Protein backbone atom coordinates (compact mmCIF):
# COMPACT_ATOMS: atom_id res chain seq x y z
CA MET A 1 109.16 125.94 82.08
CA SER A 2 108.83 129.42 80.59
CA ALA A 3 111.48 130.88 78.26
CA GLY A 4 113.52 132.40 81.04
CA GLY A 5 114.27 129.48 83.07
CA GLY A 6 111.57 129.27 85.74
CA TRP A 7 108.97 127.69 87.00
CA ARG A 8 106.09 129.05 85.42
CA ARG A 9 102.57 130.15 86.91
CA VAL A 10 99.13 129.83 86.26
CA GLN A 11 96.05 131.66 87.13
CA PRO A 12 94.37 130.41 89.68
CA ASN A 13 91.49 127.88 88.82
CA SER A 14 88.41 128.29 88.65
CA ASP A 15 87.22 125.79 91.42
CA THR A 16 89.00 127.57 94.05
CA PRO A 17 87.01 126.93 97.01
CA ARG A 18 84.38 130.52 97.87
CA SER A 19 85.20 130.00 101.50
CA GLY A 20 88.50 130.73 102.77
CA GLY A 21 87.62 129.04 106.12
CA HIS A 22 86.61 125.57 104.38
CA LEU A 23 90.26 125.59 102.51
CA VAL A 24 91.65 126.44 105.60
CA ILE A 25 89.99 123.54 107.59
CA LYS A 26 90.29 121.34 104.86
CA VAL A 27 94.38 121.82 105.11
CA ALA A 28 94.71 122.14 108.66
CA ALA A 29 92.67 119.12 108.81
CA ALA A 30 94.72 117.12 107.06
CA LEU A 31 98.02 118.45 108.57
CA CYS A 32 96.34 117.63 111.75
CA SER A 33 94.86 114.35 111.37
CA THR A 34 98.70 113.33 110.23
CA THR A 35 100.11 115.09 113.78
CA VAL A 36 97.17 113.30 115.54
CA LEU A 37 97.98 110.37 114.22
CA THR A 38 102.27 110.71 114.65
CA ALA A 39 101.99 112.22 117.71
CA SER A 40 99.45 109.73 119.59
CA LEU A 41 101.87 106.71 118.07
CA GLY A 42 104.70 109.03 118.92
CA PHE A 43 103.39 109.10 122.82
CA VAL A 44 103.49 105.34 122.52
CA PHE A 45 106.54 104.92 121.31
CA TRP A 46 108.53 107.03 123.82
CA ALA A 47 106.20 105.67 126.61
CA VAL A 48 107.65 102.13 125.67
CA ALA A 49 111.43 103.38 125.28
CA ALA A 50 110.78 104.62 128.74
CA ARG A 51 109.51 101.40 129.65
CA LEU A 52 112.27 99.21 127.82
CA GLY A 53 114.80 101.53 128.95
CA THR A 54 116.27 104.03 131.58
CA PRO A 55 115.48 107.74 131.87
CA GLU A 56 119.32 108.14 130.78
CA THR A 57 118.52 106.21 127.60
CA VAL A 58 115.60 108.20 126.76
CA GLY A 59 117.56 111.34 128.08
CA ARG A 60 119.98 110.54 125.36
CA SER A 61 118.07 109.60 122.49
CA ALA A 62 115.64 112.64 122.77
CA ALA A 63 118.42 114.96 122.01
CA VAL A 64 119.82 112.78 119.02
CA ILE A 65 116.36 112.43 117.51
CA SER A 66 115.52 116.62 118.70
CA ALA A 67 118.98 117.12 116.64
CA MET A 68 118.14 115.26 113.32
CA GLU A 69 115.09 116.90 113.73
CA PHE A 70 116.28 120.56 114.06
CA ILE A 71 119.11 119.84 111.01
CA ALA A 72 116.13 118.52 108.93
CA THR A 73 114.38 121.73 109.05
CA PHE A 74 117.25 123.79 108.90
CA ALA A 75 118.17 121.80 105.22
CA THR A 76 114.31 122.24 103.93
CA LEU A 77 115.39 125.24 103.13
CA GLY A 78 111.67 126.43 103.34
CA LEU A 79 111.15 124.17 100.62
CA HIS A 80 108.55 122.27 101.93
CA THR A 81 105.86 125.57 102.64
CA LEU A 82 107.10 127.08 99.39
CA LEU A 83 105.44 123.36 97.44
CA ILE A 84 102.19 123.84 99.51
CA ALA A 85 102.28 127.28 98.00
CA GLU A 86 103.76 126.75 94.72
CA LEU A 87 102.27 123.53 93.21
CA PRO A 88 98.59 124.71 92.62
CA ARG A 89 99.83 127.19 90.38
CA CYS A 90 102.94 125.32 88.71
CA ALA A 91 102.28 124.20 84.75
CA GLY A 92 101.85 120.64 84.83
CA THR A 93 104.84 119.59 83.22
CA ASN A 94 106.77 121.53 85.55
CA THR A 95 105.79 119.99 88.52
CA LYS A 96 108.11 116.52 88.76
CA ARG A 97 111.20 118.75 87.87
CA LEU A 98 110.51 121.44 90.91
CA VAL A 99 109.37 118.55 93.46
CA VAL A 100 112.60 116.17 92.42
CA THR A 101 114.73 119.23 92.28
CA SER A 102 113.88 119.99 95.94
CA PHE A 103 114.37 116.19 97.02
CA GLY A 104 117.79 116.49 95.57
CA ILE A 105 118.94 119.58 97.08
CA VAL A 106 117.36 119.37 100.91
CA ALA A 107 118.83 115.39 101.14
CA CYS A 108 121.84 116.85 99.90
CA VAL A 109 122.20 120.43 102.14
CA ALA A 110 121.21 117.45 105.80
CA PHE A 111 123.53 114.70 105.20
CA MET A 112 126.56 117.45 104.96
CA ALA A 113 124.96 119.63 108.14
CA ALA A 114 124.68 116.53 109.94
CA VAL A 115 128.05 115.14 109.64
CA GLY A 116 129.38 118.23 109.91
CA PHE A 117 126.68 118.46 113.36
CA GLY A 118 128.05 115.13 114.51
CA ALA A 119 131.61 115.87 114.09
CA VAL A 120 132.12 118.66 116.04
CA HIS A 121 129.59 117.49 119.05
CA HIS A 122 132.83 114.40 118.93
CA LEU A 123 135.15 116.45 119.03
CA ILE A 124 133.14 118.72 122.03
CA ASP A 125 131.71 116.02 124.19
CA GLY A 126 133.81 113.07 123.34
CA ALA A 127 131.02 110.85 123.51
CA THR A 128 130.75 108.01 121.91
CA TRP A 129 126.96 106.80 122.02
CA MET A 130 126.35 107.81 118.65
CA TYR A 131 128.85 109.93 117.04
CA GLY A 132 131.80 108.28 118.03
CA THR A 133 132.27 105.84 114.95
CA PRO A 134 132.12 106.17 111.20
CA LEU A 135 129.19 103.85 111.39
CA GLY A 136 127.28 106.14 113.99
CA MET A 137 128.26 109.19 111.36
CA LEU A 138 127.06 107.87 108.65
CA LEU A 139 123.70 106.25 110.29
CA PHE A 140 123.16 110.08 111.41
CA GLY A 141 123.96 111.26 108.26
CA ILE A 142 121.36 109.16 106.79
CA GLY A 143 119.10 109.27 108.92
CA THR A 144 118.82 112.84 108.88
CA ALA A 145 118.93 113.27 105.00
CA VAL A 146 115.84 110.86 104.52
CA SER A 147 113.93 112.59 107.37
CA ALA A 148 114.62 116.26 105.57
CA VAL A 149 113.42 114.47 102.18
CA THR A 150 110.16 113.10 104.04
CA ILE A 151 109.11 116.99 105.43
CA VAL A 152 109.85 117.71 101.97
CA VAL A 153 107.45 114.88 100.62
CA ASP A 154 104.51 115.46 102.97
CA GLY A 155 105.25 119.30 101.66
CA ALA A 156 103.88 118.31 98.13
CA LEU A 157 101.61 115.68 98.91
CA ILE A 158 99.16 118.67 100.55
CA GLY A 159 100.10 120.49 97.40
CA PHE A 160 98.82 118.07 95.25
CA GLY A 161 95.77 117.60 96.91
CA LEU A 162 96.86 114.09 97.91
CA SER A 163 95.89 115.00 101.84
CA ARG A 164 95.19 111.20 102.23
CA ARG A 165 98.46 110.04 100.66
CA GLN A 166 100.19 112.15 103.18
CA VAL A 167 98.40 111.21 106.06
CA MET A 168 98.98 107.11 104.99
CA ARG A 169 102.91 107.78 104.57
CA ASN A 170 102.84 109.33 107.82
CA LEU A 171 100.61 106.52 109.66
CA THR A 172 103.36 104.16 108.08
CA PHE A 173 105.81 106.00 109.76
CA ALA A 174 105.22 105.88 112.76
CA VAL A 175 103.71 102.60 113.40
CA THR A 176 106.99 101.32 111.26
CA LYS A 177 109.37 102.61 113.99
CA LEU A 178 106.92 101.73 116.92
CA ALA A 179 106.72 98.11 115.66
CA ALA A 180 110.60 98.44 115.28
CA LEU A 181 111.36 99.53 118.54
CA PRO A 182 111.20 96.37 120.64
CA VAL A 183 112.44 94.37 118.36
CA LEU A 184 115.42 95.85 118.12
CA ALA A 185 115.48 96.52 122.29
CA PHE A 186 115.25 92.55 122.70
CA ALA A 187 117.45 91.64 119.86
CA VAL A 188 120.02 94.31 119.88
CA GLY A 189 119.47 96.13 123.03
CA LEU A 190 118.00 99.57 123.68
CA SER A 191 119.88 102.71 123.60
CA PRO A 192 120.35 105.87 120.98
CA ARG A 193 121.21 104.07 117.85
CA MET A 194 118.37 101.90 118.32
CA ILE A 195 116.53 104.24 118.78
CA PHE A 196 117.77 106.38 115.78
CA LEU A 197 117.37 103.51 113.89
CA SER A 198 113.73 102.51 114.26
CA TRP A 199 113.10 106.55 113.06
CA LEU A 200 115.37 106.04 109.85
CA LEU A 201 113.84 102.58 109.08
CA GLY A 202 110.22 104.23 109.77
CA ASN A 203 110.87 107.37 107.36
CA CYS A 204 112.43 104.45 104.73
CA VAL A 205 109.26 101.74 104.63
CA SER A 206 106.95 105.07 104.53
CA LEU A 207 108.62 106.55 101.48
CA LEU A 208 108.45 102.52 100.04
CA PHE A 209 104.93 102.25 100.82
CA LEU A 210 104.40 106.07 99.06
CA ALA A 211 106.51 104.89 95.81
CA VAL A 212 103.86 101.57 95.90
CA ARG A 213 101.29 103.85 95.18
CA THR A 214 102.48 106.25 92.87
CA ARG A 215 101.72 106.54 89.43
CA GLN A 216 104.09 106.44 86.91
CA LEU A 217 107.13 106.03 89.48
CA HIS A 218 109.33 105.89 86.35
CA GLY A 219 108.81 109.00 84.71
CA TRP A 220 109.11 110.75 88.64
CA VAL A 221 112.58 108.52 88.67
CA THR A 222 113.56 109.25 85.54
CA THR A 223 113.55 113.20 86.09
CA VAL A 224 116.43 114.98 85.71
CA PRO A 225 116.76 118.40 88.86
CA SER A 226 117.32 121.50 87.61
CA LEU A 227 119.03 124.51 89.53
CA ARG A 228 117.95 126.97 87.39
CA GLY A 229 114.61 126.75 87.39
CA PHE A 230 114.58 127.58 91.64
CA LEU A 231 116.54 131.55 90.57
CA PRO A 232 112.53 132.95 90.35
CA ILE A 233 111.22 131.55 93.37
CA TRP A 234 114.63 131.11 95.36
CA ARG A 235 114.16 134.39 97.34
CA THR A 236 110.31 133.50 98.56
CA ALA A 237 112.07 129.17 99.35
CA ALA A 238 114.20 131.66 101.80
CA GLY A 239 111.97 133.53 103.47
CA HIS A 240 109.57 129.99 103.81
CA HIS A 241 113.08 128.98 105.52
CA TRP A 242 113.81 131.34 108.16
CA VAL A 243 110.27 131.38 109.03
CA ASN A 244 110.33 127.77 109.58
CA VAL A 245 113.54 127.94 111.11
CA ALA A 246 113.13 130.45 113.18
CA THR A 247 109.34 128.92 114.57
CA GLN A 248 111.19 125.54 115.28
CA ALA A 249 114.21 126.63 116.81
CA PRO A 250 113.10 126.36 119.87
CA ARG A 251 111.71 123.28 120.29
CA LEU A 252 114.23 121.21 118.63
CA ALA A 253 117.11 122.99 120.37
CA LEU A 254 116.13 122.80 124.00
CA PRO A 255 116.08 119.03 124.66
CA VAL A 256 120.02 119.49 122.92
CA ILE A 257 120.19 122.31 125.81
CA VAL A 258 118.78 120.36 128.60
CA ALA A 259 120.99 117.01 128.20
CA ALA A 260 123.56 119.47 128.14
CA GLN A 261 123.07 121.58 131.17
CA LEU A 262 120.88 119.36 133.40
CA GLY A 263 121.86 115.74 132.61
CA ASP A 264 119.82 113.18 130.22
CA GLU A 265 116.89 112.17 133.37
CA ALA A 266 115.98 115.77 133.88
CA ASN A 267 115.83 115.71 129.96
CA ALA A 268 113.84 113.17 129.79
CA GLY A 269 111.19 114.39 131.60
CA PHE A 270 111.54 117.71 130.11
CA TYR A 271 110.96 116.04 126.25
CA ALA A 272 107.96 113.95 127.58
CA ALA A 273 106.27 116.93 128.98
CA LEU A 274 107.28 119.13 125.74
CA LEU A 275 106.02 116.20 123.31
CA MET A 276 102.38 116.76 124.63
CA VAL A 277 102.24 120.56 124.37
CA THR A 278 103.80 120.37 121.51
CA PHE A 279 100.42 117.80 120.51
CA ILE A 280 98.33 120.49 121.37
CA TRP A 281 100.33 123.65 119.56
CA ILE A 282 100.81 121.88 116.56
CA ILE A 283 96.48 122.63 115.77
CA PRO A 284 96.57 126.54 115.89
CA ASN A 285 99.89 126.19 113.73
CA HIS A 286 98.78 123.87 111.05
CA LEU A 287 95.96 125.99 110.71
CA GLY A 288 98.59 129.21 110.46
CA THR A 289 100.06 126.99 107.50
CA ALA A 290 97.03 125.98 106.15
CA MET A 291 96.37 130.03 105.10
CA PHE A 292 99.28 130.09 102.97
CA ALA A 293 96.55 127.51 100.47
CA LEU A 294 94.54 130.53 100.41
CA HIS A 295 93.40 132.17 97.36
CA SER A 296 95.68 135.61 98.04
CA GLY A 297 94.26 137.30 95.69
CA ASP A 298 90.62 137.07 96.93
CA THR A 299 89.83 139.58 99.56
CA GLN A 300 86.74 137.64 101.48
CA HIS A 301 88.37 133.99 100.95
CA PHE A 302 91.25 135.35 102.88
CA ARG A 303 88.83 136.81 105.36
CA THR A 304 87.18 134.03 106.47
CA GLY A 305 90.01 131.72 106.22
CA LEU A 306 92.09 134.11 108.95
CA ASP A 307 88.47 134.74 111.23
CA THR A 308 88.28 130.61 111.08
CA ALA A 309 91.72 130.04 112.05
CA LEU A 310 91.20 132.54 115.32
CA ARG A 311 87.93 130.73 116.33
CA ILE A 312 89.86 127.12 116.06
CA SER A 313 92.39 128.42 117.75
CA ALA A 314 90.84 130.31 120.55
CA VAL A 315 88.51 127.14 121.38
CA VAL A 316 91.93 124.64 121.24
CA SER A 317 93.69 127.17 123.76
CA ILE A 318 90.49 127.48 126.09
CA ALA A 319 90.56 123.65 126.35
CA ALA A 320 93.88 123.60 126.92
CA ALA A 321 94.39 125.53 129.43
CA VAL A 322 91.36 124.21 130.85
CA GLY A 323 92.60 120.89 130.69
CA GLY A 324 96.75 121.14 131.29
CA PRO A 325 96.94 122.01 134.71
CA ILE A 326 94.24 119.18 135.83
CA LEU A 327 95.74 116.46 133.13
CA ALA A 328 99.38 117.86 133.54
CA GLY A 329 100.79 114.75 136.20
CA PRO A 330 98.78 111.77 135.06
CA LEU A 331 99.96 112.23 131.66
CA LEU A 332 103.35 111.81 132.64
CA SER A 333 103.36 109.22 134.45
CA VAL A 334 102.81 107.29 132.04
CA PHE A 335 106.29 107.42 130.65
CA GLY A 336 107.32 106.96 135.09
CA PRO A 337 107.16 108.20 138.52
CA SER A 338 110.47 110.25 137.88
CA TYR A 339 108.78 111.89 134.91
CA VAL A 340 105.55 113.92 136.73
CA GLU A 341 108.83 116.28 138.05
CA ALA A 342 108.17 118.28 134.80
CA ARG A 343 104.37 118.57 135.29
CA TYR A 344 104.99 122.25 136.11
CA CYS A 345 106.56 123.26 132.59
CA LEU A 346 103.74 121.08 131.03
CA MET A 347 101.21 123.65 133.14
CA ALA A 348 102.50 126.75 132.19
CA LEU A 349 103.05 125.90 128.52
CA THR A 350 99.41 124.62 127.60
CA VAL A 351 98.08 128.18 129.28
CA CYS A 352 100.26 129.71 126.49
CA THR A 353 98.73 128.26 124.39
CA PHE A 354 96.89 130.73 122.38
CA ALA A 355 99.98 132.78 122.13
CA GLY A 356 101.89 130.93 120.17
CA ALA A 357 98.87 130.73 117.85
CA ILE A 358 99.43 134.36 116.75
CA LYS A 359 102.59 133.54 116.02
CA ALA A 360 101.68 130.72 113.39
CA ILE A 361 98.87 133.65 112.03
CA TYR A 362 100.96 136.78 111.86
CA ILE A 363 103.47 134.90 110.02
CA SER A 364 100.38 133.99 107.56
CA VAL A 365 99.20 137.54 107.40
CA ARG A 366 102.45 138.79 106.57
CA ARG A 367 102.74 136.41 103.71
CA ALA A 368 99.90 138.15 102.35
CA GLN A 369 100.86 141.41 102.52
CA GLY A 370 104.11 140.16 100.26
CA ALA A 371 106.08 140.84 103.61
CA LEU A 372 107.45 137.15 104.10
CA GLY A 373 111.12 138.94 104.95
CA THR A 374 109.44 140.92 107.70
CA ALA A 375 107.65 137.64 109.08
CA ALA A 376 111.55 135.77 109.06
CA ARG A 377 112.80 139.04 111.13
CA ALA A 378 110.21 138.75 113.52
CA ALA A 379 110.60 135.25 113.48
CA VAL A 380 114.08 135.50 113.86
CA LEU A 381 113.74 137.77 116.66
CA GLY A 382 111.37 135.60 118.82
CA ALA A 383 113.21 132.51 118.57
CA ALA A 384 116.24 134.14 119.87
CA LEU A 385 113.99 135.70 122.45
CA GLU A 386 112.31 132.71 124.02
CA LEU A 387 115.89 130.95 123.66
CA ILE A 388 117.07 133.67 126.17
CA ALA A 389 114.18 133.32 128.41
CA ALA A 390 114.39 129.07 128.47
CA GLN A 391 118.12 129.94 129.43
CA ILE A 392 117.35 132.30 132.22
CA GLY A 393 114.68 129.84 133.04
CA LEU A 394 116.86 126.67 133.39
CA LEU A 395 119.50 128.57 135.32
CA LEU A 396 117.13 130.20 138.05
CA GLY A 397 114.10 127.09 138.30
CA GLY A 398 115.26 123.94 136.36
CA VAL A 399 112.81 122.69 134.26
CA THR A 400 110.25 124.22 135.63
CA GLY A 401 111.78 127.31 135.23
CA ILE A 402 112.17 126.66 131.28
CA GLY A 403 108.02 126.33 130.69
CA ILE A 404 107.67 129.35 132.85
CA ALA A 405 110.21 131.37 131.25
CA LEU A 406 109.36 130.30 127.18
CA GLY A 407 105.14 130.72 127.81
CA ALA A 408 106.61 134.26 129.55
CA ALA A 409 108.36 134.79 126.02
CA THR A 410 105.62 133.68 123.83
CA VAL A 411 103.27 136.05 125.49
CA ILE A 412 105.16 138.85 124.87
CA GLU A 413 105.81 137.85 121.49
CA ALA A 414 101.83 137.61 120.67
CA ALA A 415 101.36 141.13 122.27
CA PHE A 416 104.00 142.30 119.83
CA PHE A 417 102.42 140.39 116.40
CA TRP A 418 98.80 140.85 117.04
CA PRO A 419 98.22 144.20 116.24
CA ALA A 420 99.22 143.71 112.62
CA ILE A 421 96.93 140.80 112.84
CA TRP A 422 94.02 142.81 114.16
CA LYS A 423 94.84 145.90 111.43
CA ALA A 424 95.13 143.58 108.48
CA ARG A 425 91.53 142.34 109.71
CA LYS A 426 89.74 145.00 110.28
CA GLN A 427 90.65 146.78 106.77
CA ILE A 428 89.99 144.02 105.11
CA PRO A 429 86.80 144.46 102.43
CA THR A 430 84.06 143.13 104.41
CA ASP A 431 81.54 142.15 101.06
CA GLY A 432 84.72 140.34 99.33
CA ARG A 433 84.69 142.68 95.90
CA GLU A 434 86.75 145.62 96.65
CA GLY A 435 90.44 145.11 96.60
CA GLN A 436 89.96 141.67 94.48
CA THR A 437 93.17 140.94 92.21
CA HIS A 438 92.69 137.73 90.90
CA ALA A 439 95.39 137.85 88.89
CA ASP A 440 98.52 138.68 91.35
CA PRO A 441 99.72 135.74 92.85
CA GLY A 442 102.15 137.92 95.11
CA GLY A 443 99.35 138.86 97.13
CA PRO A 444 96.12 141.35 97.45
CA GLN A 445 96.79 144.29 96.98
CA TRP A 446 94.87 146.05 99.87
CA LEU A 447 97.09 143.72 102.40
CA ARG A 448 100.35 144.90 101.21
CA ALA A 449 98.76 148.28 101.38
CA THR A 450 98.47 147.90 105.42
CA GLN A 451 101.87 146.83 105.77
CA HIS A 452 102.60 150.86 105.07
CA ARG A 453 99.76 152.67 106.62
């Protein structure tokens, strides 16, 4: 830690990959491999839950899990993406304190926010199946806190370059919760609490697995958190936070909204469709996140990374647009006959995959320009547009209306975001020499200049 109490940054090391495209693929592959594993097993998890329980139980459980994930995402305060960007440039002896402090902050915020949400939900709804007892509230608070910590853990592992360990942690989580689900269902009976408990058990076992494989565990456990060291980077964390919340809010809030207005059975089908399209959308989204790790002082490094993200996103989007309408019905039928009613919602969302990718890439470009605040404001406005459009679609056309309206809102956002991406790309020097500022950790001058041209 420096004399001023901040986390001391170091210059990018000499082994920074030459190709930004290679780095984007490497980081995105780590994130996507995790998603493929967890989403595939998550698909099986909810399919098993659908076979063991009623659509009403699945719909309620989906609303609870979505609420937990939304609160956990909010409680991370942007620290997981901050760690991806900062750990490679943070002085070695300070990394433990930075990471441990992040864990403590998000755990406390998540627990308090979850308990507050549960109390308000119980007062308004009066439901007793999750938030009606002190034990249920405590379970929801602990589960949300642990979920928030695991998000930051994944960010730290990517920042440390331990992508394989991050994949194994998520695989352990997915396998454990899947194994626990039928055991709890047959032993106690399937309910939202039991589904939530299997989720919590999976997260706890995955963290235990990670702890066993961590060298010098005692050093991590005995590290004292320090809020003082966060002051120099808190503004950056706040920018990451609002971007993360805004981009995740519609996906996590909509199942709660659908359950409240259309009922648990309709929400079960909608959640299944959302689960599948998220599996597709997460690939271009991870490409955008991977761009956070690009060497921002090297123009050619950033250009190749940007081009790679655009090309791969285009390929994935074309495949989704072609395959979505064909496979929507058969895939949803795996959950049960009643879930097939959400097929048109799934079709509409898969067609708009590239529009969603544009938002993720836009945020990365703005970050490189030193304009993360601009990206955060744009993301918040975009989230508001998506939620308003989804509400209108819900009133006009139910679950199908949500899919069409949400897809249309995403396309409108992309129309506004694309010019900034194209302008930045056109103004990047093609030879990679002009405008290089290796010592500038805040972003290359050539990119920041485009913000004002």
